[in-house]
N, C-alpha and C. Protein backbone atom coordinates (compact mmCIF):
# COMPACT_ATOMS: atom_id res chain seq x y z
N MET A 1 1.12 4.41 35.34
CA MET A 1 0.29 5.59 35.21
C MET A 1 1.15 6.83 35.42
N GLU A 2 0.85 7.84 34.66
CA GLU A 2 1.60 9.09 34.79
C GLU A 2 0.80 10.07 35.64
N TRP A 3 1.56 10.85 36.40
CA TRP A 3 0.97 11.83 37.30
C TRP A 3 1.75 13.14 37.18
N ILE A 4 1.05 14.25 37.34
CA ILE A 4 1.76 15.51 37.49
C ILE A 4 1.80 15.84 38.98
N VAL A 5 2.91 16.41 39.38
CA VAL A 5 3.08 16.87 40.76
C VAL A 5 3.49 18.33 40.67
N LYS A 6 2.62 19.20 41.15
CA LYS A 6 2.88 20.64 41.10
C LYS A 6 2.96 21.15 42.53
N CYS A 7 4.12 21.69 42.87
CA CYS A 7 4.37 22.19 44.22
C CYS A 7 4.63 23.70 44.15
N VAL A 8 3.94 24.45 44.98
CA VAL A 8 4.13 25.89 45.05
C VAL A 8 4.85 26.21 46.36
N SER A 9 5.93 26.97 46.26
CA SER A 9 6.74 27.30 47.44
C SER A 9 6.09 28.36 48.31
N LYS A 10 6.41 28.29 49.59
CA LYS A 10 6.08 29.38 50.50
C LYS A 10 6.95 30.59 50.15
N PRO A 11 6.57 31.77 50.58
CA PRO A 11 7.42 32.94 50.33
C PRO A 11 8.78 32.81 51.03
N ASP A 12 9.78 33.43 50.47
CA ASP A 12 11.11 33.55 51.08
C ASP A 12 11.78 32.21 51.35
N MET A 13 11.73 31.31 50.39
CA MET A 13 12.32 29.98 50.55
C MET A 13 13.63 29.82 49.78
N VAL A 14 14.19 30.88 49.24
CA VAL A 14 15.39 30.80 48.41
C VAL A 14 16.54 30.14 49.16
N GLU A 15 16.83 30.61 50.36
CA GLU A 15 17.96 30.07 51.12
C GLU A 15 17.71 28.62 51.55
N ARG A 16 16.50 28.33 52.01
CA ARG A 16 16.18 26.96 52.44
C ARG A 16 16.25 26.00 51.24
N ARG A 17 15.76 26.45 50.10
CA ARG A 17 15.81 25.63 48.89
C ARG A 17 17.26 25.35 48.51
N ALA A 18 18.10 26.37 48.54
CA ALA A 18 19.52 26.19 48.20
C ALA A 18 20.20 25.23 49.18
N ALA A 19 19.87 25.34 50.47
CA ALA A 19 20.48 24.48 51.48
C ALA A 19 20.04 23.02 51.34
N THR A 20 18.92 22.80 50.71
CA THR A 20 18.34 21.46 50.58
C THR A 20 18.57 20.87 49.19
N LEU A 21 19.15 21.64 48.29
CA LEU A 21 19.26 21.23 46.88
C LEU A 21 19.95 19.88 46.69
N GLN A 22 21.08 19.65 47.32
CA GLN A 22 21.80 18.39 47.09
C GLN A 22 20.99 17.19 47.58
N ALA A 23 20.36 17.31 48.72
CA ALA A 23 19.52 16.21 49.22
C ALA A 23 18.34 15.97 48.27
N HIS A 24 17.79 17.04 47.72
CA HIS A 24 16.70 16.94 46.74
C HIS A 24 17.18 16.20 45.48
N ILE A 25 18.36 16.56 44.98
CA ILE A 25 18.92 15.89 43.80
C ILE A 25 19.16 14.41 44.09
N ASP A 26 19.67 14.10 45.27
CA ASP A 26 19.88 12.69 45.66
C ASP A 26 18.56 11.93 45.64
N HIS A 27 17.49 12.57 46.09
CA HIS A 27 16.16 11.95 46.06
C HIS A 27 15.72 11.70 44.62
N LEU A 28 15.87 12.71 43.76
CA LEU A 28 15.49 12.56 42.36
C LEU A 28 16.25 11.42 41.69
N ASP A 29 17.53 11.26 42.04
CA ASP A 29 18.35 10.21 41.43
C ASP A 29 17.83 8.81 41.73
N LYS A 30 17.05 8.66 42.78
CA LYS A 30 16.47 7.35 43.10
C LYS A 30 15.31 6.99 42.17
N PHE A 31 14.83 7.99 41.41
CA PHE A 31 13.63 7.79 40.59
C PHE A 31 13.84 8.18 39.13
N LYS A 32 15.02 7.91 38.61
CA LYS A 32 15.32 8.28 37.22
C LYS A 32 14.39 7.59 36.22
N VAL A 33 14.11 6.32 36.45
CA VAL A 33 13.25 5.58 35.52
C VAL A 33 11.82 6.13 35.54
N GLU A 34 11.33 6.51 36.70
CA GLU A 34 9.95 6.98 36.84
C GLU A 34 9.76 8.43 36.38
N THR A 35 10.82 9.19 36.28
CA THR A 35 10.70 10.61 36.02
C THR A 35 10.68 10.92 34.52
N TRP A 36 9.59 11.54 34.08
CA TRP A 36 9.48 12.01 32.70
C TRP A 36 10.02 13.44 32.61
N TYR A 37 9.56 14.31 33.52
CA TYR A 37 9.98 15.71 33.54
C TYR A 37 10.14 16.14 34.99
N SER A 38 11.13 16.99 35.24
CA SER A 38 11.34 17.51 36.58
C SER A 38 12.08 18.82 36.48
N GLY A 39 11.60 19.80 37.22
CA GLY A 39 12.30 21.08 37.23
C GLY A 39 11.56 22.11 38.06
N PRO A 40 12.22 23.24 38.28
CA PRO A 40 11.60 24.29 39.09
C PRO A 40 10.64 25.15 38.28
N MET A 41 9.53 25.51 38.91
CA MET A 41 8.68 26.57 38.37
C MET A 41 9.39 27.87 38.73
N MET A 42 9.29 28.84 37.84
CA MET A 42 10.07 30.05 37.99
C MET A 42 9.18 31.29 38.07
N VAL A 43 9.68 32.33 38.72
CA VAL A 43 9.00 33.62 38.65
C VAL A 43 9.06 34.08 37.19
N GLY A 44 8.25 35.06 36.84
CA GLY A 44 8.08 35.47 35.45
C GLY A 44 9.34 35.75 34.67
N ASP A 45 10.33 36.38 35.30
CA ASP A 45 11.56 36.72 34.57
C ASP A 45 12.59 35.58 34.59
N GLY A 46 12.23 34.47 35.25
CA GLY A 46 13.12 33.31 35.29
C GLY A 46 14.28 33.42 36.25
N SER A 47 14.26 34.44 37.11
CA SER A 47 15.41 34.69 37.99
C SER A 47 15.41 33.83 39.25
N ASN A 48 14.27 33.26 39.61
CA ASN A 48 14.20 32.54 40.87
C ASN A 48 13.11 31.48 40.83
N ALA A 49 13.32 30.40 41.56
CA ALA A 49 12.32 29.33 41.63
C ALA A 49 11.22 29.69 42.63
N ASN A 50 9.99 29.34 42.27
CA ASN A 50 8.87 29.54 43.19
C ASN A 50 8.03 28.27 43.32
N GLY A 51 8.63 27.13 42.97
CA GLY A 51 7.92 25.87 43.09
C GLY A 51 8.64 24.77 42.34
N SER A 52 7.94 23.67 42.14
CA SER A 52 8.50 22.51 41.47
C SER A 52 7.40 21.85 40.66
N PHE A 53 7.76 21.34 39.49
CA PHE A 53 6.79 20.66 38.64
C PHE A 53 7.42 19.39 38.08
N ARG A 54 6.66 18.29 38.13
CA ARG A 54 7.17 17.02 37.64
C ARG A 54 6.06 16.23 36.95
N VAL A 55 6.47 15.42 35.99
CA VAL A 55 5.61 14.38 35.42
C VAL A 55 6.32 13.07 35.74
N ILE A 56 5.64 12.20 36.47
CA ILE A 56 6.27 10.96 36.92
C ILE A 56 5.35 9.77 36.66
N ASP A 57 5.94 8.59 36.69
CA ASP A 57 5.22 7.35 36.39
C ASP A 57 5.25 6.43 37.60
N PHE A 58 4.11 6.33 38.29
CA PHE A 58 3.93 5.40 39.41
C PHE A 58 2.59 4.70 39.23
N PRO A 59 2.47 3.46 39.69
CA PRO A 59 1.21 2.73 39.52
C PRO A 59 0.01 3.36 40.22
N THR A 60 0.23 4.06 41.34
CA THR A 60 -0.91 4.59 42.11
C THR A 60 -0.64 6.00 42.60
N ARG A 61 -1.74 6.67 42.96
CA ARG A 61 -1.65 7.99 43.57
C ARG A 61 -0.90 7.91 44.90
N ASP A 62 -1.16 6.86 45.67
CA ASP A 62 -0.49 6.72 46.97
C ASP A 62 1.03 6.66 46.82
N GLN A 63 1.52 5.93 45.83
CA GLN A 63 2.97 5.87 45.60
C GLN A 63 3.50 7.23 45.16
N THR A 64 2.71 7.94 44.38
CA THR A 64 3.10 9.29 43.96
C THR A 64 3.17 10.21 45.17
N ALA A 65 2.18 10.11 46.05
CA ALA A 65 2.17 10.93 47.26
C ALA A 65 3.37 10.62 48.15
N THR A 66 3.70 9.34 48.30
CA THR A 66 4.87 8.96 49.10
C THR A 66 6.14 9.53 48.50
N TYR A 67 6.25 9.47 47.16
CA TYR A 67 7.41 10.02 46.46
C TYR A 67 7.61 11.50 46.80
N ILE A 68 6.56 12.30 46.72
CA ILE A 68 6.72 13.73 46.95
C ILE A 68 6.81 14.04 48.45
N GLU A 69 6.14 13.26 49.28
CA GLU A 69 6.20 13.50 50.73
C GLU A 69 7.59 13.21 51.30
N THR A 70 8.37 12.34 50.65
CA THR A 70 9.71 12.02 51.13
C THR A 70 10.79 12.86 50.45
N ASP A 71 10.41 13.73 49.54
CA ASP A 71 11.38 14.63 48.91
C ASP A 71 11.88 15.61 49.97
N PRO A 72 13.21 15.83 50.06
CA PRO A 72 13.74 16.78 51.05
C PRO A 72 13.15 18.18 50.95
N TYR A 73 12.74 18.62 49.77
CA TYR A 73 12.07 19.92 49.68
C TYR A 73 10.77 19.91 50.49
N THR A 74 10.08 18.79 50.47
CA THR A 74 8.83 18.68 51.23
C THR A 74 9.12 18.57 52.72
N THR A 75 10.06 17.70 53.08
CA THR A 75 10.35 17.52 54.51
C THR A 75 10.98 18.76 55.13
N ALA A 76 11.58 19.62 54.30
CA ALA A 76 12.14 20.89 54.79
C ALA A 76 11.07 21.98 54.86
N ASP A 77 9.82 21.61 54.57
CA ASP A 77 8.68 22.52 54.68
C ASP A 77 8.80 23.73 53.75
N ILE A 78 9.25 23.47 52.52
CA ILE A 78 9.39 24.53 51.53
C ILE A 78 8.07 24.83 50.82
N PHE A 79 7.23 23.82 50.62
CA PHE A 79 6.03 23.98 49.81
C PHE A 79 4.82 24.38 50.64
N LYS A 80 4.05 25.34 50.12
CA LYS A 80 2.78 25.69 50.77
C LYS A 80 1.64 24.85 50.21
N SER A 81 1.82 24.30 48.99
CA SER A 81 0.79 23.42 48.43
C SER A 81 1.43 22.40 47.51
N ILE A 82 0.82 21.22 47.47
CA ILE A 82 1.24 20.14 46.58
C ILE A 82 -0.02 19.57 45.94
N ASP A 83 -0.06 19.59 44.61
CA ASP A 83 -1.19 19.03 43.88
C ASP A 83 -0.70 17.86 43.04
N ILE A 84 -1.47 16.78 43.07
CA ILE A 84 -1.18 15.58 42.29
C ILE A 84 -2.38 15.30 41.40
N GLU A 85 -2.13 15.11 40.10
CA GLU A 85 -3.21 14.79 39.16
C GLU A 85 -2.73 13.74 38.18
N ARG A 86 -3.64 12.90 37.76
CA ARG A 86 -3.32 11.89 36.76
C ARG A 86 -3.33 12.54 35.38
N VAL A 87 -2.41 12.09 34.54
CA VAL A 87 -2.34 12.58 33.16
C VAL A 87 -2.15 11.39 32.23
N VAL A 88 -2.89 11.39 31.13
CA VAL A 88 -2.77 10.37 30.10
C VAL A 88 -1.94 10.98 28.98
N PRO A 89 -0.70 10.54 28.77
CA PRO A 89 0.19 11.18 27.79
C PRO A 89 -0.31 11.02 26.35
N TYR A 90 -0.22 12.11 25.60
CA TYR A 90 -0.41 12.07 24.14
C TYR A 90 0.93 11.91 23.45
N THR A 91 1.99 12.34 24.12
CA THR A 91 3.34 12.29 23.54
C THR A 91 4.22 11.43 24.44
N GLN A 92 5.25 10.85 23.88
CA GLN A 92 6.11 9.94 24.63
C GLN A 92 7.51 10.50 24.89
N LEU A 93 7.79 11.71 24.41
CA LEU A 93 9.11 12.31 24.58
C LEU A 93 9.35 12.65 26.05
N ARG A 94 10.49 12.22 26.55
CA ARG A 94 10.86 12.52 27.93
C ARG A 94 11.93 13.61 27.95
N GLN A 95 12.05 14.27 29.08
CA GLN A 95 12.98 15.39 29.22
C GLN A 95 14.40 14.99 28.83
N ARG A 96 14.86 13.83 29.28
CA ARG A 96 16.24 13.44 29.01
C ARG A 96 16.49 13.15 27.53
N ASP A 97 15.40 12.96 26.75
CA ASP A 97 15.52 12.69 25.32
C ASP A 97 15.29 13.93 24.47
N HIS A 98 14.98 15.05 25.10
CA HIS A 98 14.67 16.27 24.36
C HIS A 98 15.94 17.09 24.13
N GLY A 99 16.20 17.42 22.89
CA GLY A 99 17.33 18.29 22.56
C GLY A 99 16.94 19.73 22.77
N GLN A 100 17.37 20.32 23.88
CA GLN A 100 16.99 21.69 24.20
C GLN A 100 17.60 22.68 23.20
N THR A 101 16.84 23.72 22.91
CA THR A 101 17.31 24.78 22.03
C THR A 101 17.90 25.91 22.86
N GLU A 102 19.15 26.23 22.58
CA GLU A 102 19.84 27.30 23.31
C GLU A 102 19.02 28.58 23.25
N GLY A 103 18.81 29.21 24.41
CA GLY A 103 18.09 30.48 24.48
C GLY A 103 16.58 30.35 24.63
N ASN A 104 16.04 29.15 24.49
CA ASN A 104 14.60 28.97 24.65
C ASN A 104 14.18 29.01 26.11
N SER A 105 12.91 29.23 26.33
CA SER A 105 12.30 29.19 27.66
C SER A 105 11.26 28.07 27.67
N GLN A 106 11.01 27.52 28.84
CA GLN A 106 10.03 26.47 28.96
C GLN A 106 8.84 26.97 29.77
N TYR A 107 7.67 26.45 29.42
CA TYR A 107 6.43 26.84 30.08
C TYR A 107 5.57 25.61 30.32
N ILE A 108 4.82 25.65 31.41
CA ILE A 108 3.81 24.65 31.73
C ILE A 108 2.47 25.32 31.46
N VAL A 109 1.65 24.70 30.62
CA VAL A 109 0.32 25.22 30.33
C VAL A 109 -0.69 24.17 30.79
N ILE A 110 -1.64 24.59 31.62
CA ILE A 110 -2.70 23.71 32.08
C ILE A 110 -4.04 24.31 31.67
N SER A 111 -4.77 23.53 30.90
CA SER A 111 -6.08 23.91 30.42
C SER A 111 -7.13 23.12 31.19
N ARG A 112 -8.13 23.78 31.71
CA ARG A 112 -9.19 23.12 32.46
C ARG A 112 -10.49 23.15 31.65
N THR A 113 -11.25 22.08 31.78
CA THR A 113 -12.53 21.99 31.11
C THR A 113 -13.52 21.30 32.04
N ASP A 114 -14.81 21.46 31.76
CA ASP A 114 -15.80 20.66 32.47
C ASP A 114 -15.54 19.20 32.11
N PRO A 115 -16.04 18.25 32.90
CA PRO A 115 -15.78 16.83 32.62
C PRO A 115 -16.11 16.44 31.18
N ILE A 116 -15.18 15.73 30.57
CA ILE A 116 -15.33 15.28 29.19
C ILE A 116 -14.85 13.83 29.09
N ALA A 117 -15.15 13.20 27.96
CA ALA A 117 -14.67 11.84 27.73
C ALA A 117 -13.16 11.84 27.59
N VAL A 118 -12.52 10.81 28.10
CA VAL A 118 -11.07 10.68 28.01
C VAL A 118 -10.68 10.22 26.62
N GLU A 119 -9.72 10.90 26.05
CA GLU A 119 -9.13 10.49 24.78
C GLU A 119 -7.70 10.03 25.06
N THR A 120 -7.41 8.77 24.81
CA THR A 120 -6.04 8.29 25.00
C THR A 120 -5.18 8.64 23.80
N LYS A 121 -5.83 8.94 22.70
CA LYS A 121 -5.13 9.41 21.49
C LYS A 121 -5.91 10.62 20.99
N PRO A 122 -5.24 11.75 20.80
CA PRO A 122 -5.97 12.95 20.39
C PRO A 122 -6.61 12.79 19.02
N ALA A 123 -7.78 13.38 18.89
CA ALA A 123 -8.51 13.32 17.63
C ALA A 123 -9.04 14.72 17.29
N GLY A 124 -9.51 14.88 16.08
CA GLY A 124 -10.17 16.12 15.65
C GLY A 124 -9.33 17.36 15.86
N SER A 125 -9.95 18.39 16.48
CA SER A 125 -9.28 19.67 16.66
C SER A 125 -8.05 19.55 17.55
N MET A 126 -8.07 18.63 18.52
CA MET A 126 -6.90 18.45 19.39
C MET A 126 -5.74 17.88 18.60
N ALA A 127 -5.99 16.89 17.77
CA ALA A 127 -4.93 16.31 16.94
C ALA A 127 -4.35 17.37 16.00
N ASP A 128 -5.21 18.18 15.41
CA ASP A 128 -4.75 19.25 14.51
C ASP A 128 -3.90 20.27 15.27
N PHE A 129 -4.35 20.64 16.45
CA PHE A 129 -3.63 21.61 17.28
C PHE A 129 -2.25 21.09 17.66
N LEU A 130 -2.17 19.85 18.12
CA LEU A 130 -0.89 19.27 18.51
C LEU A 130 0.06 19.17 17.32
N SER A 131 -0.47 18.80 16.18
CA SER A 131 0.35 18.71 14.96
C SER A 131 0.89 20.08 14.56
N ALA A 132 0.05 21.10 14.65
CA ALA A 132 0.47 22.46 14.27
C ALA A 132 1.56 22.99 15.19
N HIS A 133 1.62 22.51 16.43
CA HIS A 133 2.59 23.01 17.40
C HIS A 133 3.66 21.99 17.76
N ALA A 134 3.83 20.99 16.93
CA ALA A 134 4.77 19.90 17.22
C ALA A 134 6.19 20.40 17.45
N GLY A 135 6.59 21.48 16.81
CA GLY A 135 7.95 21.99 16.94
C GLY A 135 8.27 22.58 18.29
N SER A 136 7.27 23.03 19.03
CA SER A 136 7.51 23.66 20.33
C SER A 136 6.95 22.85 21.50
N LEU A 137 6.23 21.80 21.20
CA LEU A 137 5.57 21.00 22.22
C LEU A 137 6.43 19.80 22.56
N ILE A 138 6.83 19.69 23.83
CA ILE A 138 7.64 18.54 24.21
C ILE A 138 6.85 17.53 25.05
N PHE A 139 5.72 17.94 25.58
CA PHE A 139 4.83 17.00 26.26
C PHE A 139 3.41 17.51 26.13
N ALA A 140 2.49 16.59 25.94
CA ALA A 140 1.06 16.90 25.96
C ALA A 140 0.33 15.69 26.50
N GLY A 141 -0.73 15.95 27.24
CA GLY A 141 -1.54 14.86 27.76
C GLY A 141 -2.85 15.36 28.31
N MET A 142 -3.80 14.43 28.46
CA MET A 142 -5.10 14.77 29.02
C MET A 142 -5.08 14.57 30.53
N LEU A 143 -5.48 15.60 31.26
CA LEU A 143 -5.65 15.49 32.70
C LEU A 143 -6.95 14.76 32.98
N THR A 144 -6.92 13.82 33.94
CA THR A 144 -8.11 13.03 34.24
C THR A 144 -8.32 12.95 35.74
N ASP A 145 -9.46 12.38 36.11
CA ASP A 145 -9.64 12.04 37.51
C ASP A 145 -8.73 10.85 37.82
N ASP A 146 -8.64 10.46 39.09
CA ASP A 146 -7.71 9.41 39.49
C ASP A 146 -7.99 8.07 38.80
N SER A 147 -9.23 7.82 38.44
CA SER A 147 -9.58 6.55 37.79
C SER A 147 -9.17 6.54 36.32
N GLY A 148 -8.92 7.71 35.75
CA GLY A 148 -8.60 7.80 34.33
C GLY A 148 -9.82 7.71 33.44
N GLU A 149 -11.01 7.84 34.03
CA GLU A 149 -12.25 7.68 33.26
C GLU A 149 -12.90 8.99 32.85
N THR A 150 -12.54 10.09 33.49
CA THR A 150 -13.14 11.38 33.19
C THR A 150 -12.05 12.40 32.89
N GLY A 151 -12.12 13.02 31.73
CA GLY A 151 -11.16 14.06 31.36
C GLY A 151 -11.50 15.37 32.04
N LEU A 152 -10.45 16.07 32.50
CA LEU A 152 -10.63 17.33 33.22
C LEU A 152 -9.87 18.49 32.58
N GLY A 153 -9.11 18.19 31.52
CA GLY A 153 -8.33 19.24 30.87
C GLY A 153 -7.12 18.66 30.18
N ALA A 154 -6.13 19.51 29.99
CA ALA A 154 -4.91 19.09 29.30
C ALA A 154 -3.70 19.76 29.91
N LEU A 155 -2.57 19.08 29.78
CA LEU A 155 -1.27 19.59 30.22
C LEU A 155 -0.36 19.67 29.01
N TYR A 156 0.37 20.76 28.90
CA TYR A 156 1.36 20.94 27.84
C TYR A 156 2.66 21.44 28.46
N VAL A 157 3.78 20.93 27.98
CA VAL A 157 5.09 21.47 28.33
C VAL A 157 5.69 22.01 27.05
N LEU A 158 6.01 23.30 27.05
CA LEU A 158 6.51 23.98 25.85
C LEU A 158 7.98 24.33 25.99
N ASP A 159 8.68 24.32 24.87
CA ASP A 159 10.06 24.81 24.78
C ASP A 159 10.07 25.78 23.61
N VAL A 160 9.99 27.09 23.91
CA VAL A 160 9.78 28.11 22.88
C VAL A 160 10.76 29.27 23.04
N ALA A 161 10.81 30.10 22.02
CA ALA A 161 11.76 31.22 22.00
C ALA A 161 11.46 32.27 23.06
N GLY A 162 10.22 32.40 23.49
CA GLY A 162 9.89 33.40 24.49
C GLY A 162 8.43 33.37 24.85
N ARG A 163 8.05 34.24 25.78
CA ARG A 163 6.68 34.27 26.28
C ARG A 163 5.67 34.56 25.17
N ASP A 164 6.04 35.37 24.19
CA ASP A 164 5.10 35.66 23.11
C ASP A 164 4.70 34.39 22.35
N MET A 165 5.63 33.47 22.19
CA MET A 165 5.33 32.20 21.52
C MET A 165 4.43 31.34 22.41
N ALA A 166 4.64 31.37 23.70
CA ALA A 166 3.77 30.64 24.62
C ALA A 166 2.36 31.23 24.60
N ASP A 167 2.26 32.56 24.54
CA ASP A 167 0.95 33.22 24.47
C ASP A 167 0.22 32.85 23.17
N LYS A 168 0.95 32.73 22.07
CA LYS A 168 0.35 32.33 20.79
C LYS A 168 -0.20 30.91 20.91
N PHE A 169 0.55 30.02 21.54
CA PHE A 169 0.11 28.65 21.77
C PHE A 169 -1.19 28.66 22.57
N VAL A 170 -1.22 29.42 23.65
CA VAL A 170 -2.38 29.50 24.53
C VAL A 170 -3.60 30.03 23.78
N ALA A 171 -3.41 31.01 22.91
CA ALA A 171 -4.52 31.60 22.17
C ALA A 171 -5.22 30.60 21.27
N GLU A 172 -4.51 29.55 20.87
CA GLU A 172 -5.07 28.56 19.96
C GLU A 172 -5.47 27.26 20.67
N GLU A 173 -5.26 27.15 21.97
CA GLU A 173 -5.52 25.90 22.70
C GLU A 173 -7.02 25.58 22.67
N PRO A 174 -7.40 24.39 22.18
CA PRO A 174 -8.82 24.11 21.93
C PRO A 174 -9.69 23.82 23.15
N LEU A 175 -9.17 23.20 24.20
CA LEU A 175 -10.04 22.82 25.31
C LEU A 175 -10.54 24.01 26.12
N SER A 176 -9.67 24.96 26.41
CA SER A 176 -10.08 26.08 27.24
C SER A 176 -11.01 27.03 26.48
N HIS A 177 -10.95 27.01 25.15
CA HIS A 177 -11.78 27.91 24.36
C HIS A 177 -13.05 27.24 23.85
N GLY A 178 -13.19 25.94 24.10
CA GLY A 178 -14.37 25.22 23.66
C GLY A 178 -15.57 25.52 24.53
N PRO A 179 -16.71 24.90 24.22
CA PRO A 179 -17.95 25.20 24.96
C PRO A 179 -17.89 24.81 26.44
N ASP A 180 -17.01 23.86 26.79
CA ASP A 180 -16.92 23.42 28.18
C ASP A 180 -15.68 23.97 28.88
N GLY A 181 -14.93 24.85 28.22
CA GLY A 181 -13.69 25.38 28.77
C GLY A 181 -13.92 26.22 30.01
N ARG A 182 -13.01 26.10 30.95
CA ARG A 182 -13.14 26.85 32.20
C ARG A 182 -11.99 27.79 32.46
N SER A 183 -10.76 27.32 32.30
CA SER A 183 -9.63 28.17 32.63
C SER A 183 -8.36 27.66 31.95
N LEU A 184 -7.38 28.52 31.96
CA LEU A 184 -6.10 28.16 31.38
C LEU A 184 -5.02 28.92 32.14
N THR A 185 -3.95 28.21 32.54
CA THR A 185 -2.84 28.87 33.23
C THR A 185 -1.56 28.59 32.47
N ILE A 186 -0.65 29.53 32.56
CA ILE A 186 0.66 29.38 31.95
C ILE A 186 1.69 29.82 32.98
N GLU A 187 2.69 28.96 33.19
CA GLU A 187 3.71 29.26 34.19
C GLU A 187 5.08 28.98 33.63
N ARG A 188 6.02 29.84 33.98
CA ARG A 188 7.42 29.66 33.58
C ARG A 188 7.98 28.46 34.31
N TRP A 189 8.78 27.70 33.62
CA TRP A 189 9.38 26.48 34.16
C TRP A 189 10.74 26.35 33.52
N ARG A 190 11.58 25.50 34.04
CA ARG A 190 12.82 25.19 33.33
C ARG A 190 13.22 23.77 33.62
N PHE A 191 13.98 23.22 32.68
CA PHE A 191 14.46 21.86 32.84
C PHE A 191 15.33 21.77 34.08
N GLY A 192 15.08 20.78 34.90
CA GLY A 192 15.86 20.56 36.10
C GLY A 192 16.60 19.24 36.00
N HIS A 193 16.89 18.68 37.13
CA HIS A 193 17.66 17.43 37.23
C HIS A 193 16.75 16.23 36.98
N VAL A 194 17.18 15.38 36.05
CA VAL A 194 16.43 14.14 35.77
C VAL A 194 17.39 12.97 35.85
């Protein structure tokens, strides 16, 4: 099962994060097979990290929680919040298999909706949307409850020329604009150690 792990840093953690970086990388190296995506969330201009975002593969939420609880960034008390959610992948491309485009920026887009049926394979407007954005989309999946039985939204990882391209993607995203749509967030991210 795939899970997203989104960690938001406490204020003023730049020095502590830097001091813990090698231990964090050593931790990540223990989970190369399980890691689909891993990297820092960034402030808007990309100059500094303000969190961590990962897509990982563990059989249970408890194993996912243990994974992040034993990360040196967590044990060093860098994060003010850690969120874990199940995701059903629509795409199979992993970070280590993605040919990055020089000069591009990466973004995490999370679309929230009222509870909906889970689609393990996108259909209709979602399939059309994903096809139209295939060139900039490196990961897409449906966010679900822990059982995988109720859809709660979608996750997208983008690799685009700039924020304007990410905003264009967001403007066309079908779940947040549909009748059950609730919210949509976009955050700067970058490829990290995998």
